[in-house]
Amino acid sequence: MKIDTIRIRGIEIGAGIPKNCVPIVARTQEDILENARMIAANQPELIELRIDWYEKAEDIQDVLQLLQKVRNTIGESILLFTFRSKQEGGEADISLEHYKRLCEAVCVSGYVDLIDVEAYMKEGLLQEICEIAHRNHVYVVASNHDFEKTPSEEKMVERLEYMDKMGADIPKIAVMPKSARDVLNLLSATVAYRERGGRKPVITMSMDGIGGITRLSGEIFGSAVTFAAVGECSAPGQYMLSDVKQFLEMIHQNI
């Protein structure tokens, strides 16, 4: 089935080798900008600003000023903006109303290409922010993270389909495996989403050490983006970007 790929800044997400995304995880503006420079020098296709790590994340105007500086620092890398709640493995929490206002302000700013929206924070919120984002030419990664377990294959497919239905451009799930069977179920769910008619690029991963293979095998099973590290990792099981690039290229050459 043909995938409805997304083209941002000349990069086609959903085709060919999975694209690399490296998160910025730092507390201060100085450290964020230093990390941005270091990461951009390693040329990942995407850079994720994990604003929940930022010490002034609740100050929307400060965040927007920081975003402008990050945008100027990373050049033509795709910029993904993320506030990850503690419930889904993040570093901070803000009220639902503030989360919505932050997302809207970021979409309107013109500084980001993609915004992460937690799919199950509140009924209807994902669809609402998708509409705001799309009016401002911003793509949406809808996300769901389970740091405790791996749901059933059927449940994972249902989550991807729900995000798709709500208007997300890239559905994303990340789960914690307890066994090799859990890892297989994540990969199978990725394939099943496509077999059941899903046309959007998806991001799926099984975390921790035993799930590492899912960060490398996206071109085979259908995950369009993988998360790697330059410096500090933002999630269990991430590999260094330099290693990931080599593995992805090796797999691509042998498919």
C-alpha atoms as a PDB file:
ATOM      1  CA  MET A   1       0.000   0.000   0.000  1.00  0.00           C
ATOM      2  CA  LYS A   2       1.214   3.481  -0.860  1.00  0.00           C
ATOM      3  CA  ILE A   3       2.152   5.612   2.148  1.00  0.00           C
ATOM      4  CA  ASP A   4       1.096   9.262   2.293  1.00  0.00           C
ATOM      5  CA  THR A   5       4.582  10.554   2.961  1.00  0.00           C
ATOM      6  CA  ILE A   6       5.270  13.980   4.455  1.00  0.00           C
ATOM      7  CA  ARG A   7       7.864  16.325   2.975  1.00  0.00           C
ATOM      8  CA  ILE A   8       9.385  18.919   5.297  1.00  0.00           C
ATOM      9  CA  ARG A   9      12.417  21.045   4.390  1.00  0.00           C
ATOM     10  CA  GLY A  10      13.220  18.671   1.545  1.00  0.00           C
ATOM     11  CA  ILE A  11      13.070  15.558   3.765  1.00  0.00           C
ATOM     12  CA  GLU A  12      10.487  12.892   2.912  1.00  0.00           C
ATOM     13  CA  ILE A  13       9.224  11.167   6.056  1.00  0.00           C
ATOM     14  CA  GLY A  14       7.748   7.744   5.377  1.00  0.00           C
ATOM     15  CA  ALA A  15       9.979   6.789   2.448  1.00  0.00           C
ATOM     16  CA  GLY A  16      13.317   4.989   2.329  1.00  0.00           C
ATOM     17  CA  ILE A  17      15.666   4.882   5.287  1.00  0.00           C
ATOM     18  CA  PRO A  18      14.006   5.899   8.581  1.00  0.00           C
ATOM     19  CA  LYS A  19      14.845   9.468   9.511  1.00  0.00           C
ATOM     20  CA  ASN A  20      16.903  10.162  12.631  1.00  0.00           C
ATOM     21  CA  CYS A  21      15.574  12.405  15.378  1.00  0.00           C
ATOM     22  CA  VAL A  22      17.840  13.568  18.205  1.00  0.00           C
ATOM     23  CA  PRO A  23      16.264  15.133  21.320  1.00  0.00           C
ATOM     24  CA  ILE A  24      17.628  18.171  23.136  1.00  0.00           C
ATOM     25  CA  VAL A  25      17.379  17.483  26.877  1.00  0.00           C
ATOM     26  CA  ALA A  26      18.789  20.316  29.007  1.00  0.00           C
ATOM     27  CA  ARG A  27      17.636  22.642  31.792  1.00  0.00           C
ATOM     28  CA  THR A  28      18.991  26.064  30.890  1.00  0.00           C
ATOM     29  CA  GLN A  29      18.807  28.191  27.759  1.00  0.00           C
ATOM     30  CA  GLU A  30      22.584  28.192  27.510  1.00  0.00           C
ATOM     31  CA  ASP A  31      22.797  24.398  27.647  1.00  0.00           C
ATOM     32  CA  ILE A  32      19.884  23.961  25.234  1.00  0.00           C
ATOM     33  CA  LEU A  33      21.528  26.178  22.631  1.00  0.00           C
ATOM     34  CA  GLU A  34      24.892  24.485  23.129  1.00  0.00           C
ATOM     35  CA  ASN A  35      23.255  21.084  22.650  1.00  0.00           C
ATOM     36  CA  ALA A  36      21.395  22.390  19.609  1.00  0.00           C
ATOM     37  CA  ARG A  37      24.673  23.419  17.989  1.00  0.00           C
ATOM     38  CA  MET A  38      26.324  20.108  18.816  1.00  0.00           C
ATOM     39  CA  ILE A  39      23.409  18.035  17.559  1.00  0.00           C
ATOM     40  CA  ALA A  40      22.965  20.066  14.368  1.00  0.00           C
ATOM     41  CA  ALA A  41      26.665  19.531  13.582  1.00  0.00           C
ATOM     42  CA  ASN A  42      25.946  15.779  13.477  1.00  0.00           C
ATOM     43  CA  GLN A  43      23.241  16.338  10.836  1.00  0.00           C
ATOM     44  CA  PRO A  44      20.199  14.369  11.956  1.00  0.00           C
ATOM     45  CA  GLU A  45      17.134  14.951   9.819  1.00  0.00           C
ATOM     46  CA  LEU A  46      15.062  15.970  12.857  1.00  0.00           C
ATOM     47  CA  ILE A  47      15.859  17.649  16.164  1.00  0.00           C
ATOM     48  CA  GLU A  48      13.375  17.421  19.032  1.00  0.00           C
ATOM     49  CA  LEU A  49      13.241  20.168  21.639  1.00  0.00           C
ATOM     50  CA  ARG A  50      12.051  18.482  24.836  1.00  0.00           C
ATOM     51  CA  ILE A  51      10.737  21.629  26.483  1.00  0.00           C
ATOM     52  CA  ASP A  52       9.584  19.732  29.594  1.00  0.00           C
ATOM     53  CA  TRP A  53      13.267  19.657  30.587  1.00  0.00           C
ATOM     54  CA  TYR A  54      13.570  23.455  30.376  1.00  0.00           C
ATOM     55  CA  GLU A  55      13.643  25.284  33.709  1.00  0.00           C
ATOM     56  CA  LYS A  56      11.274  28.000  32.418  1.00  0.00           C
ATOM     57  CA  ALA A  57       8.883  25.750  30.510  1.00  0.00           C
ATOM     58  CA  GLU A  58       5.817  27.364  32.104  1.00  0.00           C
ATOM     59  CA  ASP A  59       6.681  30.812  30.724  1.00  0.00           C
ATOM     60  CA  ILE A  60       5.210  30.761  27.211  1.00  0.00           C
ATOM     61  CA  GLN A  61       6.886  33.986  26.064  1.00  0.00           C
ATOM     62  CA  ASP A  62      10.244  32.732  27.285  1.00  0.00           C
ATOM     63  CA  VAL A  63       9.686  29.440  25.470  1.00  0.00           C
ATOM     64  CA  LEU A  64       8.895  31.278  22.227  1.00  0.00           C
ATOM     65  CA  GLN A  65      12.051  33.364  22.523  1.00  0.00           C
ATOM     66  CA  LEU A  66      14.054  30.194  23.108  1.00  0.00           C
ATOM     67  CA  LEU A  67      12.389  28.525  20.129  1.00  0.00           C
ATOM     68  CA  GLN A  68      13.446  31.364  17.854  1.00  0.00           C
ATOM     69  CA  LYS A  69      17.052  30.963  18.994  1.00  0.00           C
ATOM     70  CA  VAL A  70      16.949  27.184  18.530  1.00  0.00           C
ATOM     71  CA  ARG A  71      15.447  27.618  15.056  1.00  0.00           C
ATOM     72  CA  ASN A  72      18.260  29.980  14.092  1.00  0.00           C
ATOM     73  CA  THR A  73      20.846  27.602  15.541  1.00  0.00           C
ATOM     74  CA  ILE A  74      19.859  24.367  13.821  1.00  0.00           C
ATOM     75  CA  GLY A  75      19.539  25.661  10.276  1.00  0.00           C
ATOM     76  CA  GLU A  76      17.482  23.425   7.989  1.00  0.00           C
ATOM     77  CA  SER A  77      17.028  20.504  10.360  1.00  0.00           C
ATOM     78  CA  ILE A  78      13.372  19.710  10.998  1.00  0.00           C
ATOM     79  CA  LEU A  79      12.337  21.001  14.441  1.00  0.00           C
ATOM     80  CA  LEU A  80       9.946  18.909  16.541  1.00  0.00           C
ATOM     81  CA  PHE A  81       8.528  20.572  19.664  1.00  0.00           C
ATOM     82  CA  THR A  82       7.563  18.339  22.598  1.00  0.00           C
ATOM     83  CA  PHE A  83       6.246  18.857  26.100  1.00  0.00           C
ATOM     84  CA  ARG A  84       6.254  15.367  27.597  1.00  0.00           C
ATOM     85  CA  SER A  85       4.122  15.039  30.741  1.00  0.00           C
ATOM     86  CA  LYS A  86       5.315  13.074  33.759  1.00  0.00           C
ATOM     87  CA  GLN A  87       2.478  10.632  33.171  1.00  0.00           C
ATOM     88  CA  GLU A  88       4.132   9.624  29.909  1.00  0.00           C
ATOM     89  CA  GLY A  89       7.740   9.707  31.066  1.00  0.00           C
ATOM     90  CA  GLY A  90       8.487  13.436  30.963  1.00  0.00           C
ATOM     91  CA  GLU A  91      10.251  15.751  33.368  1.00  0.00           C
ATOM     92  CA  ALA A  92       7.453  18.135  34.364  1.00  0.00           C
ATOM     93  CA  ASP A  93       3.722  18.681  34.496  1.00  0.00           C
ATOM     94  CA  ILE A  94       1.583  21.655  33.588  1.00  0.00           C
ATOM     95  CA  SER A  95      -2.168  22.133  33.665  1.00  0.00           C
ATOM     96  CA  LEU A  96      -4.246  20.960  30.755  1.00  0.00           C
ATOM     97  CA  GLU A  97      -5.228  24.538  29.913  1.00  0.00           C
ATOM     98  CA  HIS A  98      -1.601  25.683  29.949  1.00  0.00           C
ATOM     99  CA  TYR A  99      -0.574  22.720  27.787  1.00  0.00           C
ATOM    100  CA  LYS A 100      -3.171  23.718  25.210  1.00  0.00           C
ATOM    101  CA  ARG A 101      -2.139  27.403  25.251  1.00  0.00           C
ATOM    102  CA  LEU A 102       1.533  26.433  24.938  1.00  0.00           C
ATOM    103  CA  CYS A 103       0.858  24.172  21.956  1.00  0.00           C
ATOM    104  CA  GLU A 104      -1.254  26.832  20.246  1.00  0.00           C
ATOM    105  CA  ALA A 105       1.389  29.531  20.768  1.00  0.00           C
ATOM    106  CA  VAL A 106       4.108  27.258  19.410  1.00  0.00           C
ATOM    107  CA  CYS A 107       2.054  26.413  16.315  1.00  0.00           C
ATOM    108  CA  VAL A 108       1.370  30.079  15.592  1.00  0.00           C
ATOM    109  CA  SER A 109       5.011  31.111  16.164  1.00  0.00           C
ATOM    110  CA  GLY A 110       6.321  29.849  12.822  1.00  0.00           C
ATOM    111  CA  TYR A 111       9.444  28.373  14.451  1.00  0.00           C
ATOM    112  CA  VAL A 112       8.551  24.661  14.438  1.00  0.00           C
ATOM    113  CA  ASP A 113       7.818  22.132  11.736  1.00  0.00           C
ATOM    114  CA  LEU A 114       6.269  19.429  13.917  1.00  0.00           C
ATOM    115  CA  ILE A 115       4.597  19.378  17.314  1.00  0.00           C
ATOM    116  CA  ASP A 116       4.129  16.360  19.564  1.00  0.00           C
ATOM    117  CA  VAL A 117       0.664  16.042  21.123  1.00  0.00           C
ATOM    118  CA  GLU A 118      -0.107  13.379  23.724  1.00  0.00           C
ATOM    119  CA  ALA A 119      -3.047  11.504  22.273  1.00  0.00           C
ATOM    120  CA  TYR A 120      -4.883  10.584  25.466  1.00  0.00           C
ATOM    121  CA  MET A 121      -4.407  13.652  27.654  1.00  0.00           C
ATOM    122  CA  LYS A 122      -8.070  14.644  27.240  1.00  0.00           C
ATOM    123  CA  GLU A 123     -10.873  13.586  24.937  1.00  0.00           C
ATOM    124  CA  GLY A 124     -10.973  15.890  21.924  1.00  0.00           C
ATOM    125  CA  LEU A 125      -7.707  17.715  22.678  1.00  0.00           C
ATOM    126  CA  LEU A 126      -5.677  15.941  20.004  1.00  0.00           C
ATOM    127  CA  GLN A 127      -8.191  16.775  17.294  1.00  0.00           C
ATOM    128  CA  GLU A 128      -8.398  20.399  18.460  1.00  0.00           C
ATOM    129  CA  ILE A 129      -4.634  20.920  18.422  1.00  0.00           C
ATOM    130  CA  CYS A 130      -4.348  19.163  15.053  1.00  0.00           C
ATOM    131  CA  GLU A 131      -6.747  21.715  13.610  1.00  0.00           C
ATOM    132  CA  ILE A 132      -4.753  24.617  15.092  1.00  0.00           C
ATOM    133  CA  ALA A 133      -1.464  23.145  13.882  1.00  0.00           C
ATOM    134  CA  HIS A 134      -2.684  22.513  10.355  1.00  0.00           C
ATOM    135  CA  ARG A 135      -4.048  26.054  10.035  1.00  0.00           C
ATOM    136  CA  ASN A 136      -0.504  27.206  10.771  1.00  0.00           C
ATOM    137  CA  HIS A 137       1.233  24.707   8.455  1.00  0.00           C
ATOM    138  CA  VAL A 138       2.610  22.617  11.331  1.00  0.00           C
ATOM    139  CA  TYR A 139       2.495  18.809  11.238  1.00  0.00           C
ATOM    140  CA  VAL A 140       1.406  16.787  14.283  1.00  0.00           C
ATOM    141  CA  VAL A 141       3.038  13.752  15.850  1.00  0.00           C
ATOM    142  CA  ALA A 142       0.407  12.187  18.105  1.00  0.00           C
ATOM    143  CA  SER A 143       2.076  10.150  20.824  1.00  0.00           C
ATOM    144  CA  ASN A 144       1.360   7.533  23.445  1.00  0.00           C
ATOM    145  CA  HIS A 145       3.991   6.110  25.803  1.00  0.00           C
ATOM    146  CA  ASP A 146       3.725   3.164  28.176  1.00  0.00           C
ATOM    147  CA  PHE A 147       6.768   2.841  30.440  1.00  0.00           C
ATOM    148  CA  GLU A 148       5.262  -0.062  32.378  1.00  0.00           C
ATOM    149  CA  LYS A 149       4.306  -2.673  29.806  1.00  0.00           C
ATOM    150  CA  THR A 150       3.559  -3.578  26.209  1.00  0.00           C
ATOM    151  CA  PRO A 151      -0.191  -3.630  25.437  1.00  0.00           C
ATOM    152  CA  SER A 152      -1.644  -6.316  23.199  1.00  0.00           C
ATOM    153  CA  GLU A 153      -1.018  -6.097  19.471  1.00  0.00           C
ATOM    154  CA  GLU A 154      -4.681  -5.250  18.878  1.00  0.00           C
ATOM    155  CA  LYS A 155      -4.618  -2.439  21.444  1.00  0.00           C
ATOM    156  CA  MET A 156      -1.497  -0.903  19.877  1.00  0.00           C
ATOM    157  CA  VAL A 157      -3.039  -0.991  16.408  1.00  0.00           C
ATOM    158  CA  GLU A 158      -6.208   0.599  17.778  1.00  0.00           C
ATOM    159  CA  ARG A 159      -4.142   3.423  19.273  1.00  0.00           C
ATOM    160  CA  LEU A 160      -2.381   4.109  15.981  1.00  0.00           C
ATOM    161  CA  GLU A 161      -5.723   4.091  14.171  1.00  0.00           C
ATOM    162  CA  TYR A 162      -7.250   6.446  16.751  1.00  0.00           C
ATOM    163  CA  MET A 163      -4.430   8.977  16.308  1.00  0.00           C
ATOM    164  CA  ASP A 164      -4.844   8.691  12.541  1.00  0.00           C
ATOM    165  CA  LYS A 165      -8.594   9.283  12.810  1.00  0.00           C
ATOM    166  CA  MET A 166      -8.133  12.336  15.053  1.00  0.00           C
ATOM    167  CA  GLY A 167      -6.070  14.029  12.353  1.00  0.00           C
ATOM    168  CA  ALA A 168      -2.476  13.388  13.407  1.00  0.00           C
ATOM    169  CA  ASP A 169       0.016  13.324  10.556  1.00  0.00           C
ATOM    170  CA  ILE A 170       2.324  10.815  12.273  1.00  0.00           C
ATOM    171  CA  PRO A 171       0.939   8.425  14.920  1.00  0.00           C
ATOM    172  CA  LYS A 172       3.565   7.350  17.475  1.00  0.00           C
ATOM    173  CA  ILE A 173       3.652   4.705  20.202  1.00  0.00           C
ATOM    174  CA  ALA A 174       6.506   3.696  22.510  1.00  0.00           C
ATOM    175  CA  VAL A 175       6.138   0.772  24.914  1.00  0.00           C
ATOM    176  CA  MET A 176       8.169  -1.094  27.517  1.00  0.00           C
ATOM    177  CA  PRO A 177       8.866  -4.773  26.782  1.00  0.00           C
ATOM    178  CA  LYS A 178       9.086  -7.488  29.409  1.00  0.00           C
ATOM    179  CA  SER A 179      10.040 -10.214  26.952  1.00  0.00           C
ATOM    180  CA  ALA A 180      11.093 -10.889  23.380  1.00  0.00           C
ATOM    181  CA  ARG A 181       7.432 -11.667  22.632  1.00  0.00           C
ATOM    182  CA  ASP A 182       6.512  -8.087  23.583  1.00  0.00           C
ATOM    183  CA  VAL A 183       9.060  -6.792  21.074  1.00  0.00           C
ATOM    184  CA  LEU A 184       7.594  -9.012  18.378  1.00  0.00           C
ATOM    185  CA  ASN A 185       4.102  -7.764  19.202  1.00  0.00           C
ATOM    186  CA  LEU A 186       5.212  -4.151  18.734  1.00  0.00           C
ATOM    187  CA  LEU A 187       6.711  -4.957  15.343  1.00  0.00           C
ATOM    188  CA  SER A 188       3.625  -6.941  14.373  1.00  0.00           C
ATOM    189  CA  ALA A 189       1.350  -4.053  15.363  1.00  0.00           C
ATOM    190  CA  THR A 190       3.366  -1.739  13.118  1.00  0.00           C
ATOM    191  CA  VAL A 191       2.848  -4.071  10.169  1.00  0.00           C
ATOM    192  CA  ALA A 192      -0.823  -4.636  11.038  1.00  0.00           C
ATOM    193  CA  TYR A 193      -1.592  -0.898  11.002  1.00  0.00           C
ATOM    194  CA  ARG A 194      -0.477  -0.792   7.377  1.00  0.00           C
ATOM    195  CA  GLU A 195      -2.267  -4.058   6.477  1.00  0.00           C
ATOM    196  CA  ARG A 196      -5.524  -2.652   7.875  1.00  0.00           C
ATOM    197  CA  GLY A 197      -5.366   0.338   5.559  1.00  0.00           C
ATOM    198  CA  GLY A 198      -3.287   2.858   7.508  1.00  0.00           C
ATOM    199  CA  ARG A 199      -1.545   5.178   5.041  1.00  0.00           C
ATOM    200  CA  LYS A 200       0.247   7.632   7.314  1.00  0.00           C
ATOM    201  CA  PRO A 201       3.897   7.398   8.377  1.00  0.00           C
ATOM    202  CA  VAL A 202       4.115   5.990  11.907  1.00  0.00           C
ATOM    203  CA  ILE A 203       6.745   5.931  14.628  1.00  0.00           C
ATOM    204  CA  THR A 204       6.835   2.835  16.806  1.00  0.00           C
ATOM    205  CA  MET A 205       9.422   1.599  19.258  1.00  0.00           C
ATOM    206  CA  SER A 206       9.955  -0.916  21.991  1.00  0.00           C
ATOM    207  CA  MET A 207      12.137   0.652  24.672  1.00  0.00           C
ATOM    208  CA  ASP A 208      14.958  -0.564  26.890  1.00  0.00           C
ATOM    209  CA  GLY A 209      17.746  -2.903  25.805  1.00  0.00           C
ATOM    210  CA  ILE A 210      15.727  -5.784  24.408  1.00  0.00           C
ATOM    211  CA  GLY A 211      13.622  -3.413  22.350  1.00  0.00           C
ATOM    212  CA  GLY A 212      16.638  -1.880  20.648  1.00  0.00           C
ATOM    213  CA  ILE A 213      16.107  -3.798  17.421  1.00  0.00           C
ATOM    214  CA  THR A 214      12.906  -1.809  16.813  1.00  0.00           C
ATOM    215  CA  ARG A 215      14.977   1.384  16.608  1.00  0.00           C
ATOM    216  CA  LEU A 216      16.949  -0.052  13.702  1.00  0.00           C
ATOM    217  CA  SER A 217      14.447  -2.113  11.701  1.00  0.00           C
ATOM    218  CA  GLY A 218      11.943   0.563  10.730  1.00  0.00           C
ATOM    219  CA  GLU A 219      12.538   0.282   6.999  1.00  0.00           C
ATOM    220  CA  ILE A 220      11.496  -3.374   7.153  1.00  0.00           C
ATOM    221  CA  PHE A 221       8.515  -3.149   9.516  1.00  0.00           C
ATOM    222  CA  GLY A 222       7.269   0.352   8.761  1.00  0.00           C
ATOM    223  CA  SER A 223       8.469   2.831  11.398  1.00  0.00           C
ATOM    224  CA  ALA A 224       9.414   6.076   9.653  1.00  0.00           C
ATOM    225  CA  VAL A 225      11.535   7.804  12.329  1.00  0.00           C
ATOM    226  CA  THR A 226      13.958   6.545  14.946  1.00  0.00           C
ATOM    227  CA  PHE A 227      15.225   8.417  17.994  1.00  0.00           C
ATOM    228  CA  ALA A 228      18.953   8.475  18.658  1.00  0.00           C
ATOM    229  CA  ALA A 229      21.275  10.366  20.983  1.00  0.00           C
ATOM    230  CA  VAL A 230      24.116  12.823  20.705  1.00  0.00           C
ATOM    231  CA  GLY A 231      25.220  13.108  24.318  1.00  0.00           C
ATOM    232  CA  GLU A 232      22.443  12.479  26.858  1.00  0.00           C
ATOM    233  CA  CYS A 233      19.664   9.988  26.079  1.00  0.00           C
ATOM    234  CA  SER A 234      16.021  10.958  26.554  1.00  0.00           C
ATOM    235  CA  ALA A 235      14.561   7.433  26.784  1.00  0.00           C
ATOM    236  CA  PRO A 236      15.679   3.911  27.719  1.00  0.00           C
ATOM    237  CA  GLY A 237      17.421   2.004  24.930  1.00  0.00           C
ATOM    238  CA  GLN A 238      18.476   4.868  22.666  1.00  0.00           C
ATOM    239  CA  TYR A 239      21.643   4.336  20.645  1.00  0.00           C
ATOM    240  CA  MET A 240      24.190   6.932  19.619  1.00  0.00           C
ATOM    241  CA  LEU A 241      23.367   8.684  16.336  1.00  0.00           C
ATOM    242  CA  SER A 242      26.636   7.706  14.649  1.00  0.00           C
ATOM    243  CA  ASP A 243      25.948   4.008  15.309  1.00  0.00           C
ATOM    244  CA  VAL A 244      22.322   4.247  14.192  1.00  0.00           C
ATOM    245  CA  LYS A 245      23.279   5.871  10.887  1.00  0.00           C
ATOM    246  CA  GLN A 246      25.659   3.001  10.111  1.00  0.00           C
ATOM    247  CA  PHE A 247      23.117   0.297  10.975  1.00  0.00           C
ATOM    248  CA  LEU A 248      20.292   1.940   9.014  1.00  0.00           C
ATOM    249  CA  GLU A 249      22.488   2.325   5.952  1.00  0.00           C
ATOM    250  CA  MET A 250      23.675  -1.281   6.190  1.00  0.00           C
ATOM    251  CA  ILE A 251      20.093  -2.568   6.394  1.00  0.00           C
ATOM    252  CA  HIS A 252      19.011  -0.327   3.526  1.00  0.00           C
ATOM    253  CA  GLN A 253      21.777  -1.628   1.270  1.00  0.00           C
ATOM    254  CA  ASN A 254      20.658  -5.223   1.844  1.00  0.00           C
ATOM    255  CA  ILE A 255      16.893  -4.899   1.430  1.00  0.00           C
END
